[in-house]
Each structure stands twice: as structure tokens, then as C-alpha cells.
PDB file of N, CA and C in Angstrom:
ATOM      1  N   UNK A   1     147.547  61.990   8.354  1.00  0.00           N
ATOM      2  CA  UNK A   1     147.745  61.016   9.409  1.00  0.00           C
ATOM      3  C   UNK A   1     148.251  61.712  10.660  1.00  0.00           C
ATOM      4  N   UNK A   2     147.811  61.233  11.836  1.00  0.00           N
ATOM      5  CA  UNK A   2     148.315  61.834  13.072  1.00  0.00           C
ATOM      6  C   UNK A   2     149.815  61.592  13.214  1.00  0.00           C
ATOM      7  N   UNK A   3     150.461  62.534  13.822  1.00  0.00           N
ATOM      8  CA  UNK A   3     151.893  62.450  14.058  1.00  0.00           C
ATOM      9  C   UNK A   3     152.117  62.129  15.529  1.00  0.00           C
ATOM     10  N   UNK A   4     152.955  61.160  15.832  1.00  0.00           N
ATOM     11  CA  UNK A   4     153.224  60.744  17.212  1.00  0.00           C
ATOM     12  C   UNK A   4     154.701  60.891  17.517  1.00  0.00           C
ATOM     13  N   UNK A   5     154.979  61.151  18.778  1.00  0.00           N
ATOM     14  CA  UNK A   5     156.357  61.196  19.258  1.00  0.00           C
ATOM     15  C   UNK A   5     156.472  60.186  20.383  1.00  0.00           C
ATOM     16  N   UNK A   6     157.521  59.368  20.359  1.00  0.00           N
ATOM     17  CA  UNK A   6     157.709  58.387  21.421  1.00  0.00           C
ATOM     18  C   UNK A   6     159.192  58.140  21.621  1.00  0.00           C
ATOM     19  N   UNK A   7     159.522  57.600  22.774  1.00  0.00           N
ATOM     20  CA  UNK A   7     160.909  57.297  23.120  1.00  0.00           C
ATOM     21  C   UNK A   7     161.148  55.804  23.027  1.00  0.00           C
ATOM     22  N   UNK A   8     162.360  55.446  22.601  1.00  0.00           N
ATOM     23  CA  UNK A   8     162.750  54.044  22.502  1.00  0.00           C
ATOM     24  C   UNK A   8     163.965  53.783  23.375  1.00  0.00           C
ATOM     25  N   UNK A   9     164.068  52.560  23.855  1.00  0.00           N
ATOM     26  CA  UNK A   9     165.296  52.167  24.533  1.00  0.00           C
ATOM     27  C   UNK A   9     166.393  52.065  23.481  1.00  0.00           C
ATOM     28  N   UNK A  10     167.637  52.123  23.889  1.00  0.00           N
ATOM     29  CA  UNK A  10     168.721  51.986  22.908  1.00  0.00           C
ATOM     30  C   UNK A  10     168.624  50.684  22.108  1.00  0.00           C
ATOM     31  N   UNK A  11     168.242  49.586  22.750  1.00  0.00           N
ATOM     32  CA  UNK A  11     168.120  48.310  22.036  1.00  0.00           C
ATOM     33  C   UNK A  11     167.047  48.375  20.952  1.00  0.00           C
ATOM     34  N   UNK A  12     165.896  48.960  21.289  1.00  0.00           N
ATOM     35  CA  UNK A  12     164.832  49.063  20.291  1.00  0.00           C
ATOM     36  C   UNK A  12     165.207  50.028  19.171  1.00  0.00           C
ATOM     37  N   UNK A  13     165.903  51.086  19.505  1.00  0.00           N
ATOM     38  CA  UNK A  13     166.337  52.035  18.474  1.00  0.00           C
ATOM     39  C   UNK A  13     167.312  51.350  17.515  1.00  0.00           C
ATOM     40  N   UNK A  14     168.195  50.538  18.075  1.00  0.00           N
ATOM     41  CA  UNK A  14     169.150  49.801  17.241  1.00  0.00           C
ATOM     42  C   UNK A  14     168.406  48.808  16.337  1.00  0.00           C
ATOM     43  N   UNK A  15     167.419  48.120  16.892  1.00  0.00           N
ATOM     44  CA  UNK A  15     166.605  47.186  16.123  1.00  0.00           C
ATOM     45  C   UNK A  15     165.916  47.914  14.973  1.00  0.00           C
ATOM     46  N   UNK A  16     165.306  49.046  15.282  1.00  0.00           N
ATOM     47  CA  UNK A  16     164.600  49.845  14.282  1.00  0.00           C
ATOM     48  C   UNK A  16     165.553  50.286  13.162  1.00  0.00           C
ATOM     49  N   UNK A  17     166.685  50.829  13.544  1.00  0.00           N
ATOM     50  CA  UNK A  17     167.649  51.306  12.546  1.00  0.00           C
ATOM     51  C   UNK A  17     168.160  50.166  11.664  1.00  0.00           C
ATOM     52  N   UNK A  18     168.396  49.002  12.282  1.00  0.00           N
ATOM     53  CA  UNK A  18     168.894  47.861  11.507  1.00  0.00           C
ATOM     54  C   UNK A  18     167.873  47.427  10.464  1.00  0.00           C
ATOM     55  N   UNK A  19     166.605  47.451  10.810  1.00  0.00           N
ATOM     56  CA  UNK A  19     165.566  47.041   9.866  1.00  0.00           C
ATOM     57  C   UNK A  19     165.437  48.048   8.723  1.00  0.00           C
ATOM     58  N   UNK A  20     165.532  49.300   9.033  1.00  0.00           N
ATOM     59  CA  UNK A  20     165.421  50.324   7.988  1.00  0.00           C
ATOM     60  C   UNK A  20     166.662  50.288   7.088  1.00  0.00           C
ATOM     61  N   UNK A  21     167.845  50.198   7.700  1.00  0.00           N
ATOM     62  CA  UNK A  21     169.081  50.147   6.913  1.00  0.00           C
ATOM     63  C   UNK A  21     169.156  48.864   6.084  1.00  0.00           C
ATOM     64  N   UNK A  22     168.545  47.797   6.582  1.00  0.00           N
ATOM     65  CA  UNK A  22     168.543  46.536   5.842  1.00  0.00           C
ATOM     66  C   UNK A  22     167.619  46.563   4.637  1.00  0.00           C
ATOM     67  N   UNK A  23     166.804  47.609   4.526  1.00  0.00           N
ATOM     68  CA  UNK A  23     165.945  47.773   3.368  1.00  0.00           C
ATOM     69  C   UNK A  23     164.582  47.122   3.479  1.00  0.00           C
ATOM     70  N   UNK A  24     164.318  46.486   4.588  1.00  0.00           N
ATOM     71  CA  UNK A  24     163.015  45.831   4.718  1.00  0.00           C
ATOM     72  C   UNK A  24     161.888  46.853   4.835  1.00  0.00           C
ATOM     73  N   UNK A  25     162.165  47.961   5.494  1.00  0.00           N
ATOM     74  CA  UNK A  25     161.184  49.037   5.658  1.00  0.00           C
ATOM     75  C   UNK A  25     161.770  50.323   5.111  1.00  0.00           C
ATOM     76  N   UNK A  26     160.902  51.133   4.510  1.00  0.00           N
ATOM     77  CA  UNK A  26     161.364  52.380   3.895  1.00  0.00           C
ATOM     78  C   UNK A  26     161.723  53.431   4.937  1.00  0.00           C
ATOM     79  N   UNK A  27     160.971  53.450   6.023  1.00  0.00           N
ATOM     80  CA  UNK A  27     161.217  54.453   7.062  1.00  0.00           C
ATOM     81  C   UNK A  27     160.628  53.986   8.392  1.00  0.00           C
ATOM     82  N   UNK A  28     160.847  54.795   9.424  1.00  0.00           N
ATOM     83  CA  UNK A  28     160.375  54.463  10.771  1.00  0.00           C
ATOM     84  C   UNK A  28     158.869  54.293  10.803  1.00  0.00           C
ATOM     85  N   UNK A  29     158.152  55.152  10.121  1.00  0.00           N
ATOM     86  CA  UNK A  29     156.694  55.093  10.119  1.00  0.00           C
ATOM     87  C   UNK A  29     156.199  53.756   9.586  1.00  0.00           C
ATOM     88  N   UNK A  30     156.776  53.282   8.496  1.00  0.00           N
ATOM     89  CA  UNK A  30     156.370  52.009   7.907  1.00  0.00           C
ATOM     90  C   UNK A  30     156.637  50.854   8.872  1.00  0.00           C
ATOM     91  N   UNK A  31     157.787  50.876   9.540  1.00  0.00           N
ATOM     92  CA  UNK A  31     158.132  49.818  10.487  1.00  0.00           C
ATOM     93  C   UNK A  31     157.189  49.829  11.694  1.00  0.00           C
ATOM     94  N   UNK A  32     156.912  51.000  12.237  1.00  0.00           N
ATOM     95  CA  UNK A  32     156.010  51.091  13.399  1.00  0.00           C
ATOM     96  C   UNK A  32     154.606  50.631  13.011  1.00  0.00           C
ATOM     97  N   UNK A  33     154.139  50.989  11.835  1.00  0.00           N
ATOM     98  CA  UNK A  33     152.817  50.534  11.395  1.00  0.00           C
ATOM     99  C   UNK A  33     152.778  49.013  11.281  1.00  0.00           C
ATOM    100  N   UNK A  34     153.833  48.424  10.714  1.00  0.00           N
ATOM    101  CA  UNK A  34     153.893  46.965  10.592  1.00  0.00           C
ATOM    102  C   UNK A  34     153.921  46.313  11.982  1.00  0.00           C
ATOM    103  N   UNK A  35     154.668  46.894  12.905  1.00  0.00           N
ATOM    104  CA  UNK A  35     154.748  46.356  14.260  1.00  0.00           C
ATOM    105  C   UNK A  35     153.390  46.436  14.961  1.00  0.00           C
ATOM    106  N   UNK A  36     152.684  47.535  14.775  1.00  0.00           N
ATOM    107  CA  UNK A  36     151.372  47.683  15.406  1.00  0.00           C
ATOM    108  C   UNK A  36     150.346  46.731  14.795  1.00  0.00           C
ATOM    109  N   UNK A  37     150.426  46.505  13.485  1.00  0.00           N
ATOM    110  CA  UNK A  37     149.529  45.525  12.860  1.00  0.00           C
ATOM    111  C   UNK A  37     149.801  44.126  13.416  1.00  0.00           C
ATOM    112  N   UNK A  38     151.083  43.784  13.594  1.00  0.00           N
ATOM    113  CA  UNK A  38     151.445  42.481  14.153  1.00  0.00           C
ATOM    114  C   UNK A  38     150.941  42.360  15.591  1.00  0.00           C
ATOM    115  N   UNK A  39     151.075  43.408  16.371  1.00  0.00           N
ATOM    116  CA  UNK A  39     150.577  43.404  17.750  1.00  0.00           C
ATOM    117  C   UNK A  39     149.063  43.247  17.768  1.00  0.00           C
ATOM    118  N   UNK A  40     148.374  43.928  16.870  1.00  0.00           N
ATOM    119  CA  UNK A  40     146.919  43.814  16.789  1.00  0.00           C
ATOM    120  C   UNK A  40     146.511  42.376  16.467  1.00  0.00           C
ATOM    121  N   UNK A  41     147.185  41.754  15.483  1.00  0.00           N
ATOM    122  CA  UNK A  41     146.908  40.355  15.138  1.00  0.00           C
ATOM    123  C   UNK A  41     147.137  39.443  16.340  1.00  0.00           C
ATOM    124  N   UNK A  42     148.250  39.648  17.031  1.00  0.00           N
ATOM    125  CA  UNK A  42     148.579  38.826  18.196  1.00  0.00           C
ATOM    126  C   UNK A  42     147.510  38.965  19.285  1.00  0.00           C
ATOM    127  N   UNK A  43     147.058  40.181  19.539  1.00  0.00           N
ATOM    128  CA  UNK A  43     146.034  40.392  20.562  1.00  0.00           C
ATOM    129  C   UNK A  43     144.705  39.755  20.157  1.00  0.00           C
ATOM    130  N   UNK A  44     144.355  39.830  18.877  1.00  0.00           N
ATOM    131  CA  UNK A  44     143.120  39.197  18.401  1.00  0.00           C
ATOM    132  C   UNK A  44     143.198  37.674  18.552  1.00  0.00           C
ATOM    133  N   UNK A  45     144.332  37.108  18.197  1.00  0.00           N
ATOM    134  CA  UNK A  45     144.522  35.659  18.332  1.00  0.00           C
ATOM    135  C   UNK A  45     144.433  35.258  19.796  1.00  0.00           C
ATOM    136  N   UNK A  46     145.083  36.021  20.672  1.00  0.00           N
ATOM    137  CA  UNK A  46     145.015  35.718  22.105  1.00  0.00           C
ATOM    138  C   UNK A  46     143.593  35.812  22.625  1.00  0.00           C
ATOM    139  N   UNK A  47     142.826  36.781  22.148  1.00  0.00           N
ATOM    140  CA  UNK A  47     141.429  36.913  22.573  1.00  0.00           C
ATOM    141  C   UNK A  47     140.606  35.725  22.089  1.00  0.00           C
ATOM    142  N   UNK A  48     140.842  35.286  20.853  1.00  0.00           N
ATOM    143  CA  UNK A  48     140.137  34.110  20.335  1.00  0.00           C
ATOM    144  C   UNK A  48     140.487  32.864  21.142  1.00  0.00           C
ATOM    145  N   UNK A  49     141.774  32.716  21.486  1.00  0.00           N
ATOM    146  CA  UNK A  49     142.192  31.576  22.301  1.00  0.00           C
ATOM    147  C   UNK A  49     141.529  31.627  23.673  1.00  0.00           C
ATOM    148  N   UNK A  50     141.480  32.811  24.260  1.00  0.00           N
ATOM    149  CA  UNK A  50     140.850  32.962  25.575  1.00  0.00           C
ATOM    150  C   UNK A  50     139.365  32.620  25.502  1.00  0.00           C
ATOM    151  N   UNK A  51     138.692  33.114  24.470  1.00  0.00           N
ATOM    152  CA  UNK A  51     137.262  32.837  24.297  1.00  0.00           C
ATOM    153  C   UNK A  51     137.025  31.339  24.117  1.00  0.00           C
ATOM    154  N   UNK A  52     137.855  30.689  23.303  1.00  0.00           N
ATOM    155  CA  UNK A  52     137.720  29.245  23.085  1.00  0.00           C
ATOM    156  C   UNK A  52     137.990  28.479  24.370  1.00  0.00           C
ATOM    157  N   UNK A  53     138.993  28.905  25.115  1.00  0.00           N
ATOM    158  CA  UNK A  53     139.318  28.250  26.379  1.00  0.00           C
ATOM    159  C   UNK A  53     138.174  28.384  27.373  1.00  0.00           C
ATOM    160  N   UNK A  54     137.586  29.568  27.434  1.00  0.00           N
ATOM    161  CA  UNK A  54     136.466  29.794  28.345  1.00  0.00           C
ATOM    162  C   UNK A  54     135.261  28.962  27.928  1.00  0.00           C
ATOM    163  N   UNK A  55     135.004  28.873  26.632  1.00  0.00           N
ATOM    164  CA  UNK A  55     133.884  28.066  26.143  1.00  0.00           C
ATOM    165  C   UNK A  55     134.102  26.595  26.487  1.00  0.00           C
ATOM    166  N   UNK A  56     135.354  26.130  26.333  1.00  0.00           N
ATOM    167  CA  UNK A  56     135.681  24.747  26.678  1.00  0.00           C
ATOM    168  C   UNK A  56     135.467  24.502  28.168  1.00  0.00           C
ATOM    169  N   UNK A  57     135.902  25.442  28.998  1.00  0.00           N
ATOM    170  CA  UNK A  57     135.732  25.309  30.452  1.00  0.00           C
ATOM    171  C   UNK A  57     134.247  25.302  30.809  1.00  0.00           C
ATOM    172  N   UNK A  58     133.468  26.175  30.187  1.00  0.00           N
ATOM    173  CA  UNK A  58     132.026  26.213  30.445  1.00  0.00           C
ATOM    174  C   UNK A  58     131.371  24.894  30.040  1.00  0.00           C
ATOM    175  N   UNK A  59     131.787  24.361  28.885  1.00  0.00           N
ATOM    176  CA  UNK A  59     131.240  23.089  28.405  1.00  0.00           C
ATOM    177  C   UNK A  59     131.596  21.961  29.377  1.00  0.00           C
ATOM    178  N   UNK A  60     132.859  21.929  29.811  1.00  0.00           N
ATOM    179  CA  UNK A  60     133.291  20.888  30.742  1.00  0.00           C
ATOM    180  C   UNK A  60     132.534  20.978  32.058  1.00  0.00           C
ATOM    181  N   UNK A  61     132.301  22.188  32.535  1.00  0.00           N
ATOM    182  CA  UNK A  61     131.558  22.381  33.777  1.00  0.00           C
ATOM    183  C   UNK A  61     130.119  21.897  33.617  1.00  0.00           C
ATOM    184  N   UNK A  62     129.501  22.232  32.494  1.00  0.00           N
ATOM    185  CA  UNK A  62     128.124  21.801  32.244  1.00  0.00           C
ATOM    186  C   UNK A  62     128.048  20.279  32.152  1.00  0.00           C
ATOM    187  N   UNK A  63     129.039  19.665  31.497  1.00  0.00           N
ATOM    188  CA  UNK A  63     129.059  18.211  31.382  1.00  0.00           C
ATOM    189  C   UNK A  63     129.230  17.571  32.759  1.00  0.00           C
ATOM    190  N   UNK A  64     130.075  18.151  33.586  1.00  0.00           N
ATOM    191  CA  UNK A  64     130.293  17.633  34.935  1.00  0.00           C
ATOM    192  C   UNK A  64     129.005  17.721  35.749  1.00  0.00           C
ATOM    193  N   UNK A  65     128.306  18.830  35.645  1.00  0.00           N
ATOM    194  CA  UNK A  65     127.039  18.996  36.368  1.00  0.00           C
ATOM    195  C   UNK A  65     126.026  17.969  35.879  1.00  0.00           C
ATOM    196  N   UNK A  66     125.975  17.743  34.579  1.00  0.00           N
ATOM    197  CA  UNK A  66     125.047  16.752  34.021  1.00  0.00           C
ATOM    198  C   UNK A  66     125.391  15.357  34.527  1.00  0.00           C
ATOM    199  N   UNK A  67     126.679  15.034  34.608  1.00  0.00           N
ATOM    200  CA  UNK A  67     127.084  13.725  35.122  1.00  0.00           C
ATOM    201  C   UNK A  67     126.695  13.587  36.591  1.00  0.00           C
ATOM    202  N   UNK A  68     126.862  14.632  37.369  1.00  0.00           N
ATOM    203  CA  UNK A  68     126.467  14.592  38.780  1.00  0.00           C
ATOM    204  C   UNK A  68     124.973  14.339  38.886  1.00  0.00           C
ATOM    205  N   UNK A  69     124.187  14.993  38.038  1.00  0.00           N
ATOM    206  CA  UNK A  69     122.733  14.780  38.044  1.00  0.00           C
ATOM    207  C   UNK A  69     122.376  13.334  37.715  1.00  0.00           C
ATOM    208  N   UNK A  70     123.083  12.735  36.773  1.00  0.00           N
ATOM    209  CA  UNK A  70     122.833  11.339  36.402  1.00  0.00           C
ATOM    210  C   UNK A  70     123.137  10.436  37.588  1.00  0.00           C
ATOM    211  N   UNK A  71     124.281  10.643  38.233  1.00  0.00           N
ATOM    212  CA  UNK A  71     124.647   9.823  39.384  1.00  0.00           C
ATOM    213  C   UNK A  71     123.668  10.021  40.541  1.00  0.00           C
ATOM    214  N   UNK A  72     123.191  11.230  40.708  1.00  0.00           N
ATOM    215  CA  UNK A  72     122.205  11.509  41.760  1.00  0.00           C
ATOM    216  C   UNK A  72     120.918  10.735  41.488  1.00  0.00           C
ATOM    217  N   UNK A  73     120.478  10.762  40.254  1.00  0.00           N
ATOM    218  CA  UNK A  73     119.262  10.029  39.885  1.00  0.00           C
ATOM    219  C   UNK A  73     119.439   8.530  40.105  1.00  0.00           C
ATOM    220  N   UNK A  74     120.589   7.997  39.726  1.00  0.00           N
ATOM    221  CA  UNK A  74     120.850   6.575  39.943  1.00  0.00           C
ATOM    222  C   UNK A  74     120.827   6.246  41.433  1.00  0.00           C
ATOM    223  N   UNK A  75     121.471   7.072  42.226  1.00  0.00           N
ATOM    224  CA  UNK A  75     121.512   6.849  43.670  1.00  0.00           C
ATOM    225  C   UNK A  75     120.105   6.904  44.257  1.00  0.00           C
ATOM    226  N   UNK A  76     119.331   7.912  43.856  1.00  0.00           N
ATOM    227  CA  UNK A  76     117.966   8.035  44.369  1.00  0.00           C
ATOM    228  C   UNK A  76     117.122   6.822  43.980  1.00  0.00           C
ATOM    229  N   UNK A  77     117.288   6.362  42.753  1.00  0.00           N
ATOM    230  CA  UNK A  77     116.526   5.199  42.294  1.00  0.00           C
ATOM    231  C   UNK A  77     116.870   3.945  43.097  1.00  0.00           C
ATOM    232  N   UNK A  78     118.120   3.831  43.517  1.00  0.00           N
ATOM    233  CA  UNK A  78     118.541   2.656  44.277  1.00  0.00           C
ATOM    234  C   UNK A  78     118.169   2.750  45.753  1.00  0.00           C
ATOM    235  N   UNK A  79     117.994   3.964  46.271  1.00  0.00           N
ATOM    236  CA  UNK A  79     117.788   4.132  47.700  1.00  0.00           C
ATOM    237  C   UNK A  79     116.379   4.576  48.079  1.00  0.00           C
ATOM    238  N   UNK A  80     115.514   4.687  47.140  1.00  0.00           N
ATOM    239  CA  UNK A  80     114.141   5.024  47.462  1.00  0.00           C
ATOM    240  C   UNK A  80     113.368   3.730  47.706  1.00  0.00           C
ATOM    241  N   UNK A  81     112.429   3.782  48.626  1.00  0.00           N
ATOM    242  CA  UNK A  81     111.630   2.572  48.866  1.00  0.00           C
ATOM    243  C   UNK A  81     110.895   2.174  47.588  1.00  0.00           C
ATOM    244  N   UNK A  82     110.901   0.889  47.329  1.00  0.00           N
ATOM    245  CA  UNK A  82     110.212   0.374  46.144  1.00  0.00           C
ATOM    246  C   UNK A  82     108.757   0.119  46.505  1.00  0.00           C
ATOM    247  N   UNK A  83     107.893   0.556  45.672  1.00  0.00           N
ATOM    248  CA  UNK A  83     106.457   0.295  45.876  1.00  0.00           C
ATOM    249  C   UNK A  83     106.027  -0.752  44.886  1.00  0.00           C
ATOM    250  N   UNK A  84     105.205  -1.632  45.347  1.00  0.00           N
ATOM    251  CA  UNK A  84     104.695  -2.675  44.459  1.00  0.00           C
ATOM    252  C   UNK A  84     103.221  -2.432  44.228  1.00  0.00           C
ATOM    253  N   UNK A  85     102.810  -2.718  43.051  1.00  0.00           N
ATOM    254  CA  UNK A  85     101.389  -2.545  42.729  1.00  0.00           C
ATOM    255  C   UNK A  85     100.757  -3.918  42.576  1.00  0.00           C
ATOM    256  N   UNK A  86      99.561  -4.047  43.116  1.00  0.00           N
ATOM    257  CA  UNK A  86      98.845  -5.311  43.026  1.00  0.00           C
ATOM    258  C   UNK A  86      97.761  -5.234  42.007  1.00  0.00           C
TER     259      UNK A  86
END
């Protein structure tokens, strides 16, 4: 596995140490891997939410355009000269 070096703020270092000392994680590597998996899940969920939101907006826009077309047709039908056939 690749080896990484990074710096932590004192607050994050304290958080990390507390989790390891509490026994939830065996070591720093295990905790960082769990944190990165959680971040990955969060980013995927946010992307799905964004995609769904965009699809909803696109659908609403298309529906609005369709409604405008319906109203335009109604207006044209009411304001066009009527022809009668004999």
C-alpha cells in the first residue's frame, strides 16, 4: 500500500488519538481509511442528489414550456379569424 504523510491541526490530532485510544480503530491508518470511505460515500450521495435535482429542474422547465405552448395554441385559436364553409 502507498505510504502518505500529512499534517493535522491540533484538534484533528486530538480527535484521531481519542478514537484510537478508545479502541474503535486499531491504528491511524485504519481510522484514515474509514474517514476516506465515509467522505467518498458522502460525495457520491451529494452527486446523486445534484443529478436528481437537475433532472427535476429539467423536467419542470420542459413542463413549463409545454404549458406555454398549450396556452399559445388556445390564444391563437381564439384570435384567428374563423372561416366558415358552405
